[in-house]
Amino acid sequence: QVQLVESGGGLVQAGGSLGLSCAASGRTFSINNMAWFRQAPGKEREFVAAISWSPFGKYYADSVMGRFTISRDNAKNTGYLQMNSLKPEDTAVYYCAASGYSSRRSSDYRYWGQGTQVTVSS
């Protein structure tokens, strides 16, 4: 099993920045891909970004391209999502997820964090 714990959410004004972290523990050697999803009230969970180890790659949703940056620190078993130029429509609960392969589909992810709230005020 793999456990994921997110941190770093909060309230920020439009145009501001926030950074999220996702600390992994347990059978982390089984992880080859870490992703961020988000879910706003009344909406489906949507893909935000993903990072894969082998082959290395970073993937972003069109809505966050150029504003968000995904990264990882293997030594710390931690993934990060840096969010800049935030917009009110970025308001959602953000979830960290991990799997053995890269995917934009939430159904392909076996391991999930508890979620962290990000609220962007206008």
N, C-alpha and C. Protein backbone atom coordinates (compact mmCIF):
# COMPACT_ATOMS: atom_id res chain seq x y z
N GLN A 1 0.83 -1.19 0.00
CA GLN A 1 0.00 0.00 0.00
C GLN A 1 0.87 1.25 0.00
N VAL A 2 0.28 2.30 -0.52
CA VAL A 2 0.93 3.60 -0.55
C VAL A 2 0.01 4.61 0.13
N GLN A 3 0.57 5.42 0.99
CA GLN A 3 -0.20 6.47 1.65
C GLN A 3 0.28 7.82 1.11
N LEU A 4 -0.70 8.69 0.84
CA LEU A 4 -0.41 10.02 0.31
C LEU A 4 -1.03 11.07 1.22
N VAL A 5 -0.26 12.08 1.56
CA VAL A 5 -0.75 13.15 2.43
C VAL A 5 -0.43 14.49 1.77
N GLU A 6 -1.50 15.24 1.45
CA GLU A 6 -1.31 16.56 0.85
C GLU A 6 -1.22 17.63 1.92
N SER A 7 -0.59 18.72 1.56
CA SER A 7 -0.56 19.89 2.42
C SER A 7 -0.35 21.13 1.55
N GLY A 8 -0.67 22.28 2.11
CA GLY A 8 -0.36 23.53 1.43
C GLY A 8 -1.54 24.28 0.86
N GLY A 9 -2.74 23.76 0.98
CA GLY A 9 -3.89 24.49 0.46
C GLY A 9 -4.18 25.73 1.31
N GLY A 10 -5.14 26.51 0.85
CA GLY A 10 -5.51 27.70 1.60
C GLY A 10 -6.29 28.68 0.76
N LEU A 11 -6.36 29.90 1.26
CA LEU A 11 -7.10 30.98 0.61
C LEU A 11 -6.10 31.99 0.03
N VAL A 12 -6.33 32.36 -1.21
CA VAL A 12 -5.44 33.32 -1.87
C VAL A 12 -6.26 34.21 -2.79
N GLN A 13 -5.80 35.40 -3.02
CA GLN A 13 -6.49 36.31 -3.94
C GLN A 13 -6.12 35.95 -5.39
N ALA A 14 -7.01 36.30 -6.29
CA ALA A 14 -6.75 36.07 -7.71
C ALA A 14 -5.44 36.73 -8.11
N GLY A 15 -4.66 36.00 -8.88
CA GLY A 15 -3.34 36.48 -9.28
C GLY A 15 -2.22 36.02 -8.37
N GLY A 16 -2.59 35.46 -7.24
CA GLY A 16 -1.60 35.01 -6.27
C GLY A 16 -1.09 33.61 -6.56
N SER A 17 -0.29 33.09 -5.63
CA SER A 17 0.34 31.79 -5.79
C SER A 17 0.15 30.93 -4.55
N LEU A 18 0.15 29.62 -4.77
CA LEU A 18 0.12 28.64 -3.69
C LEU A 18 0.94 27.44 -4.13
N GLY A 19 1.52 26.77 -3.15
CA GLY A 19 2.24 25.55 -3.45
C GLY A 19 1.65 24.40 -2.66
N LEU A 20 1.43 23.28 -3.32
CA LEU A 20 0.92 22.08 -2.69
C LEU A 20 2.02 21.03 -2.62
N SER A 21 1.98 20.21 -1.59
CA SER A 21 2.92 19.10 -1.44
C SER A 21 2.15 17.81 -1.26
N CYS A 22 2.77 16.72 -1.68
CA CYS A 22 2.17 15.39 -1.53
C CYS A 22 3.26 14.44 -1.07
N ALA A 23 3.20 14.05 0.18
CA ALA A 23 4.20 13.15 0.75
C ALA A 23 3.72 11.71 0.65
N ALA A 24 4.55 10.87 0.05
CA ALA A 24 4.21 9.46 -0.13
C ALA A 24 4.97 8.60 0.86
N SER A 25 4.32 7.55 1.34
CA SER A 25 4.96 6.59 2.22
C SER A 25 4.44 5.20 1.92
N GLY A 26 5.11 4.20 2.45
CA GLY A 26 4.71 2.83 2.18
C GLY A 26 5.50 2.26 1.02
N ARG A 27 4.83 1.55 0.13
CA ARG A 27 5.47 0.88 -1.00
C ARG A 27 5.71 1.86 -2.14
N THR A 28 6.51 2.87 -1.86
CA THR A 28 6.72 3.94 -2.84
C THR A 28 7.47 3.46 -4.08
N PHE A 29 8.16 2.32 -3.98
CA PHE A 29 8.88 1.82 -5.15
C PHE A 29 7.92 1.40 -6.26
N SER A 30 6.64 1.21 -5.91
CA SER A 30 5.65 0.81 -6.91
C SER A 30 5.10 2.00 -7.69
N ILE A 31 5.47 3.20 -7.27
CA ILE A 31 4.95 4.41 -7.92
C ILE A 31 5.84 4.81 -9.08
N ASN A 32 5.25 5.01 -10.25
CA ASN A 32 6.00 5.55 -11.37
C ASN A 32 5.40 6.86 -11.85
N ASN A 33 4.30 7.23 -11.26
CA ASN A 33 3.59 8.42 -11.74
C ASN A 33 2.83 9.05 -10.58
N MET A 34 2.91 10.34 -10.48
CA MET A 34 2.16 11.07 -9.46
C MET A 34 1.39 12.18 -10.18
N ALA A 35 0.15 12.38 -9.76
CA ALA A 35 -0.69 13.36 -10.43
C ALA A 35 -1.48 14.18 -9.43
N TRP A 36 -1.98 15.28 -9.92
CA TRP A 36 -2.90 16.13 -9.17
C TRP A 36 -4.21 16.21 -9.94
N PHE A 37 -5.29 16.03 -9.20
CA PHE A 37 -6.63 16.23 -9.72
C PHE A 37 -7.31 17.27 -8.84
N ARG A 38 -8.41 17.80 -9.33
CA ARG A 38 -9.18 18.73 -8.51
C ARG A 38 -10.66 18.52 -8.76
N GLN A 39 -11.44 18.89 -7.76
CA GLN A 39 -12.89 18.76 -7.87
C GLN A 39 -13.55 19.96 -7.23
N ALA A 40 -14.27 20.70 -8.05
CA ALA A 40 -15.04 21.84 -7.57
C ALA A 40 -16.45 21.39 -7.21
N PRO A 41 -17.14 22.13 -6.36
CA PRO A 41 -18.50 21.75 -5.97
C PRO A 41 -19.41 21.58 -7.18
N GLY A 42 -20.09 20.45 -7.22
CA GLY A 42 -21.03 20.19 -8.31
C GLY A 42 -20.41 19.77 -9.61
N LYS A 43 -19.09 19.60 -9.62
CA LYS A 43 -18.39 19.21 -10.85
C LYS A 43 -17.66 17.89 -10.66
N GLU A 44 -17.32 17.27 -11.79
CA GLU A 44 -16.56 16.03 -11.73
C GLU A 44 -15.09 16.31 -11.42
N ARG A 45 -14.44 15.28 -10.90
CA ARG A 45 -13.01 15.40 -10.64
C ARG A 45 -12.28 15.50 -11.97
N GLU A 46 -11.35 16.45 -12.07
CA GLU A 46 -10.65 16.66 -13.33
C GLU A 46 -9.14 16.60 -13.15
N PHE A 47 -8.48 16.19 -14.21
CA PHE A 47 -7.03 16.10 -14.24
C PHE A 47 -6.42 17.49 -14.24
N VAL A 48 -5.35 17.66 -13.48
CA VAL A 48 -4.63 18.94 -13.45
C VAL A 48 -3.22 18.78 -14.03
N ALA A 49 -2.45 17.85 -13.46
CA ALA A 49 -1.08 17.67 -13.92
C ALA A 49 -0.57 16.31 -13.45
N ALA A 50 0.46 15.80 -14.14
CA ALA A 50 1.06 14.54 -13.77
C ALA A 50 2.55 14.58 -14.09
N ILE A 51 3.29 13.79 -13.33
CA ILE A 51 4.73 13.66 -13.58
C ILE A 51 5.09 12.18 -13.49
N SER A 52 5.83 11.71 -14.48
CA SER A 52 6.24 10.31 -14.52
C SER A 52 7.75 10.18 -14.36
N TRP A 53 8.15 9.06 -13.75
CA TRP A 53 9.58 8.84 -13.51
C TRP A 53 10.25 8.26 -14.76
N SER A 54 9.71 7.14 -15.27
CA SER A 54 10.36 6.42 -16.35
C SER A 54 9.33 5.93 -17.35
N PRO A 55 9.36 6.47 -18.57
CA PRO A 55 10.20 7.59 -19.00
C PRO A 55 9.74 8.88 -18.33
N PHE A 56 10.69 9.79 -18.19
CA PHE A 56 10.36 11.04 -17.51
C PHE A 56 9.44 11.88 -18.38
N GLY A 57 8.42 12.46 -17.73
CA GLY A 57 7.53 13.32 -18.47
C GLY A 57 6.65 14.14 -17.54
N LYS A 58 6.22 15.30 -18.02
CA LYS A 58 5.29 16.14 -17.29
C LYS A 58 4.10 16.44 -18.21
N TYR A 59 2.92 16.43 -17.63
CA TYR A 59 1.71 16.60 -18.42
C TYR A 59 0.78 17.55 -17.68
N TYR A 60 0.13 18.42 -18.44
CA TYR A 60 -0.74 19.44 -17.84
C TYR A 60 -2.07 19.52 -18.56
N ALA A 61 -3.10 19.86 -17.82
CA ALA A 61 -4.37 20.21 -18.43
C ALA A 61 -4.21 21.55 -19.13
N ASP A 62 -4.94 21.75 -20.20
CA ASP A 62 -4.84 23.01 -20.94
C ASP A 62 -5.16 24.21 -20.05
N SER A 63 -6.07 24.02 -19.11
CA SER A 63 -6.53 25.12 -18.27
C SER A 63 -5.46 25.64 -17.31
N VAL A 64 -4.42 24.84 -17.07
CA VAL A 64 -3.38 25.27 -16.12
C VAL A 64 -2.01 25.40 -16.78
N MET A 65 -1.91 25.06 -18.05
CA MET A 65 -0.64 25.13 -18.76
C MET A 65 -0.07 26.54 -18.67
N GLY A 66 1.20 26.62 -18.30
CA GLY A 66 1.86 27.92 -18.20
C GLY A 66 1.68 28.60 -16.86
N ARG A 67 0.78 28.11 -16.04
CA ARG A 67 0.55 28.70 -14.72
C ARG A 67 0.96 27.76 -13.58
N PHE A 68 0.77 26.48 -13.78
CA PHE A 68 1.08 25.49 -12.76
C PHE A 68 2.34 24.71 -13.17
N THR A 69 3.10 24.30 -12.16
CA THR A 69 4.30 23.49 -12.40
C THR A 69 4.31 22.30 -11.45
N ILE A 70 4.43 21.12 -12.01
CA ILE A 70 4.52 19.91 -11.20
C ILE A 70 5.98 19.49 -11.11
N SER A 71 6.35 18.99 -9.94
CA SER A 71 7.73 18.54 -9.75
C SER A 71 7.75 17.45 -8.69
N ARG A 72 8.93 16.88 -8.47
CA ARG A 72 9.05 15.82 -7.48
C ARG A 72 10.44 15.81 -6.88
N ASP A 73 10.54 15.27 -5.69
CA ASP A 73 11.81 15.06 -5.01
C ASP A 73 11.84 13.60 -4.61
N ASN A 74 12.54 12.79 -5.37
CA ASN A 74 12.55 11.35 -5.11
C ASN A 74 13.14 11.02 -3.75
N ALA A 75 14.14 11.76 -3.34
CA ALA A 75 14.79 11.48 -2.06
C ALA A 75 13.81 11.65 -0.90
N LYS A 76 12.86 12.56 -1.08
CA LYS A 76 11.88 12.82 -0.02
C LYS A 76 10.54 12.12 -0.29
N ASN A 77 10.46 11.40 -1.42
CA ASN A 77 9.20 10.77 -1.81
C ASN A 77 8.05 11.77 -1.77
N THR A 78 8.30 12.94 -2.30
CA THR A 78 7.33 14.02 -2.25
C THR A 78 7.14 14.65 -3.62
N GLY A 79 5.89 14.91 -3.95
CA GLY A 79 5.56 15.62 -5.17
C GLY A 79 5.04 17.01 -4.83
N TYR A 80 5.15 17.91 -5.81
CA TYR A 80 4.77 19.29 -5.57
C TYR A 80 3.94 19.82 -6.74
N LEU A 81 3.08 20.78 -6.42
CA LEU A 81 2.36 21.50 -7.46
C LEU A 81 2.45 22.98 -7.12
N GLN A 82 3.19 23.72 -7.89
CA GLN A 82 3.29 25.16 -7.72
C GLN A 82 2.26 25.82 -8.61
N MET A 83 1.40 26.62 -8.00
CA MET A 83 0.30 27.24 -8.73
C MET A 83 0.48 28.75 -8.71
N ASN A 84 0.65 29.33 -9.88
CA ASN A 84 0.82 30.77 -10.02
C ASN A 84 -0.34 31.36 -10.82
N SER A 85 -0.48 32.67 -10.74
CA SER A 85 -1.54 33.37 -11.49
C SER A 85 -2.89 32.71 -11.28
N LEU A 86 -3.20 32.45 -10.03
CA LEU A 86 -4.43 31.72 -9.71
C LEU A 86 -5.66 32.52 -10.08
N LYS A 87 -6.69 31.79 -10.49
CA LYS A 87 -7.97 32.38 -10.89
C LYS A 87 -9.08 31.83 -10.00
N PRO A 88 -10.18 32.55 -9.86
CA PRO A 88 -11.29 32.03 -9.06
C PRO A 88 -11.75 30.65 -9.53
N GLU A 89 -11.67 30.38 -10.82
CA GLU A 89 -12.10 29.08 -11.34
C GLU A 89 -11.14 27.96 -10.96
N ASP A 90 -10.01 28.27 -10.34
CA ASP A 90 -9.12 27.23 -9.83
C ASP A 90 -9.56 26.73 -8.46
N THR A 91 -10.57 27.36 -7.88
CA THR A 91 -11.08 26.96 -6.57
C THR A 91 -11.62 25.54 -6.64
N ALA A 92 -11.10 24.69 -5.75
CA ALA A 92 -11.49 23.28 -5.74
C ALA A 92 -10.77 22.59 -4.60
N VAL A 93 -11.17 21.34 -4.36
CA VAL A 93 -10.37 20.46 -3.51
C VAL A 93 -9.36 19.78 -4.43
N TYR A 94 -8.10 19.87 -4.07
CA TYR A 94 -7.03 19.29 -4.88
C TYR A 94 -6.58 17.97 -4.25
N TYR A 95 -6.50 16.95 -5.10
CA TYR A 95 -6.12 15.62 -4.65
C TYR A 95 -4.83 15.18 -5.32
N CYS A 96 -3.98 14.58 -4.54
CA CYS A 96 -2.79 13.94 -5.04
C CYS A 96 -3.13 12.47 -5.31
N ALA A 97 -2.58 11.91 -6.38
CA ALA A 97 -2.82 10.52 -6.71
C ALA A 97 -1.54 9.89 -7.24
N ALA A 98 -1.43 8.58 -7.08
CA ALA A 98 -0.23 7.88 -7.55
C ALA A 98 -0.61 6.57 -8.20
N SER A 99 0.20 6.19 -9.18
CA SER A 99 -0.03 4.94 -9.88
C SER A 99 1.28 4.43 -10.45
N GLY A 100 1.19 3.26 -11.10
CA GLY A 100 2.40 2.68 -11.69
C GLY A 100 2.65 3.16 -13.11
N TYR A 101 1.69 3.90 -13.68
CA TYR A 101 1.85 4.35 -15.05
C TYR A 101 1.14 5.69 -15.24
N SER A 102 1.51 6.39 -16.29
CA SER A 102 0.97 7.72 -16.52
C SER A 102 -0.44 7.65 -17.11
N SER A 103 -1.30 8.50 -16.60
CA SER A 103 -2.67 8.57 -17.10
C SER A 103 -3.30 9.88 -16.69
N ARG A 104 -4.27 10.33 -17.50
CA ARG A 104 -5.06 11.51 -17.16
C ARG A 104 -6.41 11.12 -16.60
N ARG A 105 -6.67 9.83 -16.50
CA ARG A 105 -7.96 9.36 -16.01
C ARG A 105 -7.89 9.03 -14.53
N SER A 106 -8.81 9.58 -13.77
CA SER A 106 -8.80 9.35 -12.33
C SER A 106 -9.01 7.88 -12.00
N SER A 107 -9.73 7.17 -12.86
CA SER A 107 -10.02 5.75 -12.60
C SER A 107 -8.77 4.88 -12.69
N ASP A 108 -7.70 5.40 -13.28
CA ASP A 108 -6.46 4.64 -13.39
C ASP A 108 -5.57 4.76 -12.16
N TYR A 109 -5.97 5.58 -11.22
CA TYR A 109 -5.14 5.80 -10.04
C TYR A 109 -5.67 5.01 -8.85
N ARG A 110 -4.77 4.24 -8.27
CA ARG A 110 -5.14 3.38 -7.14
C ARG A 110 -5.02 4.11 -5.81
N TYR A 111 -4.04 4.99 -5.70
CA TYR A 111 -3.76 5.62 -4.42
C TYR A 111 -4.12 7.11 -4.47
N TRP A 112 -4.79 7.55 -3.40
CA TRP A 112 -5.27 8.93 -3.33
C TRP A 112 -4.99 9.53 -1.97
N GLY A 113 -4.72 10.82 -1.96
CA GLY A 113 -4.64 11.56 -0.72
C GLY A 113 -6.02 12.00 -0.28
N GLN A 114 -6.07 12.67 0.86
CA GLN A 114 -7.35 13.06 1.44
C GLN A 114 -7.89 14.35 0.83
N GLY A 115 -7.06 15.08 0.12
CA GLY A 115 -7.49 16.33 -0.52
C GLY A 115 -7.17 17.54 0.34
N THR A 116 -6.94 18.65 -0.32
CA THR A 116 -6.69 19.91 0.36
C THR A 116 -7.43 21.02 -0.39
N GLN A 117 -8.08 21.89 0.37
CA GLN A 117 -8.91 22.93 -0.23
C GLN A 117 -8.06 24.11 -0.72
N VAL A 118 -8.32 24.53 -1.94
CA VAL A 118 -7.72 25.74 -2.50
C VAL A 118 -8.87 26.67 -2.87
N THR A 119 -8.84 27.86 -2.31
CA THR A 119 -9.88 28.85 -2.58
C THR A 119 -9.24 30.12 -3.10
N VAL A 120 -9.69 30.55 -4.27
CA VAL A 120 -9.15 31.76 -4.90
C VAL A 120 -10.25 32.80 -4.92
N SER A 121 -10.04 33.90 -4.23
CA SER A 121 -11.05 34.96 -4.16
C SER A 121 -10.81 35.98 -5.28
N SER A 122 -11.90 36.56 -5.75
CA SER A 122 -11.80 37.53 -6.85
C SER A 122 -11.62 38.95 -6.33
